[in-house]
Amino acid sequence: MKFIDINCMIGEYPFGNLRFKRADELQNEMSRLNIEKAFAVEADSWLRDPFEGNKFLVKKVEDIKNIIPVMVMTPLVDQEFNGEESVKEFIKNNQIGAVRLFHADHNFTLKVWNV
């Protein structure tokens, strides 16, 4: 049986401890538990700056093929991500496996008019 973890977070969390601050720590735990792949988000993308946090995540996992980066986004594509084309290029060039929206934390609605 193959296992895939679709809800991992790596990084620093100011309100407590995250289990994995570094990608290699996550990879070691994946090996121990026989998890083939993990989709991971960087805490900085969620808590501070989606644009910089996403870049940081890609750098953290660039040499670890079984950790797939998950990009954090907000509806502010033009302001935070330099426009739609820039986002598409980032996703393509960095093999982003998924996008995550923290709508309550980033104060936006998931209604069609907004996203």
C-alpha atoms as a PDB file:
ATOM      1  CA  MET A   1       0.000   0.000   0.000  1.00  0.00           C
ATOM      2  CA  LYS A   2       1.224   3.498  -0.872  1.00  0.00           C
ATOM      3  CA  PHE A   3       0.664   6.445   1.436  1.00  0.00           C
ATOM      4  CA  ILE A   4       0.587  10.124   0.493  1.00  0.00           C
ATOM      5  CA  ASP A   5       0.346  12.874   3.110  1.00  0.00           C
ATOM      6  CA  ILE A   6      -1.597  15.825   1.706  1.00  0.00           C
ATOM      7  CA  ASN A   7      -1.447  18.143   4.723  1.00  0.00           C
ATOM      8  CA  CYS A   8       2.141  18.859   5.833  1.00  0.00           C
ATOM      9  CA  MET A   9       3.621  22.100   7.064  1.00  0.00           C
ATOM     10  CA  ILE A  10       7.311  22.952   7.364  1.00  0.00           C
ATOM     11  CA  GLY A  11       8.862  25.933   9.111  1.00  0.00           C
ATOM     12  CA  GLU A  12       8.632  28.158  12.127  1.00  0.00           C
ATOM     13  CA  TYR A  13       5.345  28.617  13.954  1.00  0.00           C
ATOM     14  CA  PRO A  14       5.340  31.478  16.480  1.00  0.00           C
ATOM     15  CA  PHE A  15       2.441  30.104  18.566  1.00  0.00           C
ATOM     16  CA  GLY A  16       3.917  26.680  19.341  1.00  0.00           C
ATOM     17  CA  ASN A  17       6.059  24.063  17.734  1.00  0.00           C
ATOM     18  CA  LEU A  18       5.673  22.589  14.309  1.00  0.00           C
ATOM     19  CA  ARG A  19       6.904  19.043  14.100  1.00  0.00           C
ATOM     20  CA  PHE A  20       9.142  19.782  11.103  1.00  0.00           C
ATOM     21  CA  LYS A  21      11.163  22.946  10.717  1.00  0.00           C
ATOM     22  CA  ARG A  22      13.260  21.511   7.884  1.00  0.00           C
ATOM     23  CA  ALA A  23      12.372  19.379   4.878  1.00  0.00           C
ATOM     24  CA  ASP A  24      14.900  16.677   5.783  1.00  0.00           C
ATOM     25  CA  GLU A  25      13.125  16.175   9.127  1.00  0.00           C
ATOM     26  CA  LEU A  26       9.863  15.598   7.287  1.00  0.00           C
ATOM     27  CA  GLN A  27      11.582  13.247   4.847  1.00  0.00           C
ATOM     28  CA  ASN A  28      13.033  11.164   7.704  1.00  0.00           C
ATOM     29  CA  GLU A  29       9.598  10.785   9.273  1.00  0.00           C
ATOM     30  CA  MET A  30       8.101   9.874   5.895  1.00  0.00           C
ATOM     31  CA  SER A  31      10.686   7.092   5.537  1.00  0.00           C
ATOM     32  CA  ARG A  32       9.949   5.812   9.032  1.00  0.00           C
ATOM     33  CA  LEU A  33       6.195   5.686   8.359  1.00  0.00           C
ATOM     34  CA  ASN A  34       6.465   4.397   4.783  1.00  0.00           C
ATOM     35  CA  ILE A  35       4.910   7.548   3.281  1.00  0.00           C
ATOM     36  CA  GLU A  36       5.799   7.767  -0.393  1.00  0.00           C
ATOM     37  CA  LYS A  37       5.006  11.463  -0.996  1.00  0.00           C
ATOM     38  CA  ALA A  38       3.974  14.512   0.977  1.00  0.00           C
ATOM     39  CA  PHE A  39       2.414  17.782  -0.108  1.00  0.00           C
ATOM     40  CA  ALA A  40       3.898  20.487   2.113  1.00  0.00           C
ATOM     41  CA  VAL A  41       3.287  24.172   2.702  1.00  0.00           C
ATOM     42  CA  GLU A  42       5.741  26.607   4.318  1.00  0.00           C
ATOM     43  CA  ALA A  43       4.499  28.269   7.529  1.00  0.00           C
ATOM     44  CA  ASP A  44       5.851  31.659   6.382  1.00  0.00           C
ATOM     45  CA  SER A  45       3.583  31.511   3.320  1.00  0.00           C
ATOM     46  CA  TRP A  46       0.592  31.228   5.601  1.00  0.00           C
ATOM     47  CA  LEU A  47       1.617  33.470   8.494  1.00  0.00           C
ATOM     48  CA  ARG A  48       3.692  36.281   6.978  1.00  0.00           C
ATOM     49  CA  ASP A  49       4.203  36.705   3.265  1.00  0.00           C
ATOM     50  CA  PRO A  50       2.770  34.281   0.703  1.00  0.00           C
ATOM     51  CA  PHE A  51       5.118  35.393  -2.087  1.00  0.00           C
ATOM     52  CA  GLU A  52       8.371  35.129  -0.098  1.00  0.00           C
ATOM     53  CA  GLY A  53       7.218  32.060   1.836  1.00  0.00           C
ATOM     54  CA  ASN A  54       6.448  30.196  -1.388  1.00  0.00           C
ATOM     55  CA  LYS A  55       9.921  30.974  -2.730  1.00  0.00           C
ATOM     56  CA  PHE A  56      11.431  29.832   0.568  1.00  0.00           C
ATOM     57  CA  LEU A  57       9.522  26.540   0.411  1.00  0.00           C
ATOM     58  CA  VAL A  58      10.677  25.797  -3.132  1.00  0.00           C
ATOM     59  CA  LYS A  59      14.268  26.326  -2.049  1.00  0.00           C
ATOM     60  CA  LYS A  60      13.800  24.054   0.995  1.00  0.00           C
ATOM     61  CA  VAL A  61      12.478  21.110  -1.027  1.00  0.00           C
ATOM     62  CA  GLU A  62      14.319  21.541  -4.338  1.00  0.00           C
ATOM     63  CA  ASP A  63      16.540  18.494  -3.747  1.00  0.00           C
ATOM     64  CA  ILE A  64      13.848  16.333  -2.155  1.00  0.00           C
ATOM     65  CA  LYS A  65      11.734  14.787  -4.884  1.00  0.00           C
ATOM     66  CA  ASN A  66       9.110  13.133  -2.676  1.00  0.00           C
ATOM     67  CA  ILE A  67       8.058  16.399  -0.997  1.00  0.00           C
ATOM     68  CA  ILE A  68       5.790  18.337  -3.340  1.00  0.00           C
ATOM     69  CA  PRO A  69       5.544  22.090  -2.704  1.00  0.00           C
ATOM     70  CA  VAL A  70       2.118  23.557  -2.006  1.00  0.00           C
ATOM     71  CA  MET A  71       1.779  27.242  -2.867  1.00  0.00           C
ATOM     72  CA  VAL A  72      -0.216  29.594  -0.621  1.00  0.00           C
ATOM     73  CA  MET A  73      -2.227  32.172  -2.545  1.00  0.00           C
ATOM     74  CA  THR A  74      -4.652  34.994  -1.948  1.00  0.00           C
ATOM     75  CA  PRO A  75      -6.911  36.846  -4.414  1.00  0.00           C
ATOM     76  CA  LEU A  76      -4.329  39.648  -4.496  1.00  0.00           C
ATOM     77  CA  VAL A  77      -2.532  38.059  -7.441  1.00  0.00           C
ATOM     78  CA  ASP A  78      -1.502  41.356  -8.996  1.00  0.00           C
ATOM     79  CA  GLN A  79      -0.231  42.913  -5.758  1.00  0.00           C
ATOM     80  CA  GLU A  80       1.374  39.903  -4.053  1.00  0.00           C
ATOM     81  CA  PHE A  81       2.458  37.770  -6.989  1.00  0.00           C
ATOM     82  CA  ASN A  82       3.191  40.284  -9.777  1.00  0.00           C
ATOM     83  CA  GLY A  83       0.207  39.194 -11.855  1.00  0.00           C
ATOM     84  CA  GLU A  84      -1.367  36.047 -13.225  1.00  0.00           C
ATOM     85  CA  GLU A  85       1.397  35.265 -15.722  1.00  0.00           C
ATOM     86  CA  SER A  86       4.004  35.433 -12.957  1.00  0.00           C
ATOM     87  CA  VAL A  87       1.978  32.966 -10.873  1.00  0.00           C
ATOM     88  CA  LYS A  88       1.647  30.546 -13.799  1.00  0.00           C
ATOM     89  CA  GLU A  89       5.372  30.750 -14.463  1.00  0.00           C
ATOM     90  CA  PHE A  90       6.208  30.152 -10.784  1.00  0.00           C
ATOM     91  CA  ILE A  91       3.911  27.109 -10.647  1.00  0.00           C
ATOM     92  CA  LYS A  92       5.355  25.643 -13.828  1.00  0.00           C
ATOM     93  CA  ASN A  93       9.027  26.343 -13.060  1.00  0.00           C
ATOM     94  CA  ASN A  94       8.855  25.059  -9.494  1.00  0.00           C
ATOM     95  CA  GLN A  95       6.637  22.003  -9.960  1.00  0.00           C
ATOM     96  CA  ILE A  96       3.995  23.226  -7.530  1.00  0.00           C
ATOM     97  CA  GLY A  97       1.693  20.316  -6.768  1.00  0.00           C
ATOM     98  CA  ALA A  98      -1.227  22.203  -5.248  1.00  0.00           C
ATOM     99  CA  VAL A  99      -2.421  25.605  -4.116  1.00  0.00           C
ATOM    100  CA  ARG A 100      -3.778  26.286  -0.643  1.00  0.00           C
ATOM    101  CA  LEU A 101      -6.029  29.166   0.384  1.00  0.00           C
ATOM    102  CA  PHE A 102      -6.189  30.297   4.016  1.00  0.00           C
ATOM    103  CA  HIS A 103      -9.234  32.443   3.403  1.00  0.00           C
ATOM    104  CA  ALA A 104     -10.204  32.988   7.046  1.00  0.00           C
ATOM    105  CA  ASP A 105      -6.661  33.856   8.141  1.00  0.00           C
ATOM    106  CA  HIS A 106      -6.032  36.108   5.139  1.00  0.00           C
ATOM    107  CA  ASN A 107      -9.466  37.709   5.429  1.00  0.00           C
ATOM    108  CA  PHE A 108     -11.134  36.960   2.101  1.00  0.00           C
ATOM    109  CA  THR A 109     -14.183  35.067   0.965  1.00  0.00           C
ATOM    110  CA  LEU A 110     -14.240  32.051  -1.328  1.00  0.00           C
ATOM    111  CA  LYS A 111     -17.193  33.435  -3.264  1.00  0.00           C
ATOM    112  CA  VAL A 112     -16.707  33.424  -7.035  1.00  0.00           C
ATOM    113  CA  TRP A 113     -16.550  37.207  -7.327  1.00  0.00           C
ATOM    114  CA  ASN A 114     -13.504  37.249  -5.044  1.00  0.00           C
ATOM    115  CA  VAL A 115     -11.440  34.287  -6.141  1.00  0.00           C
END
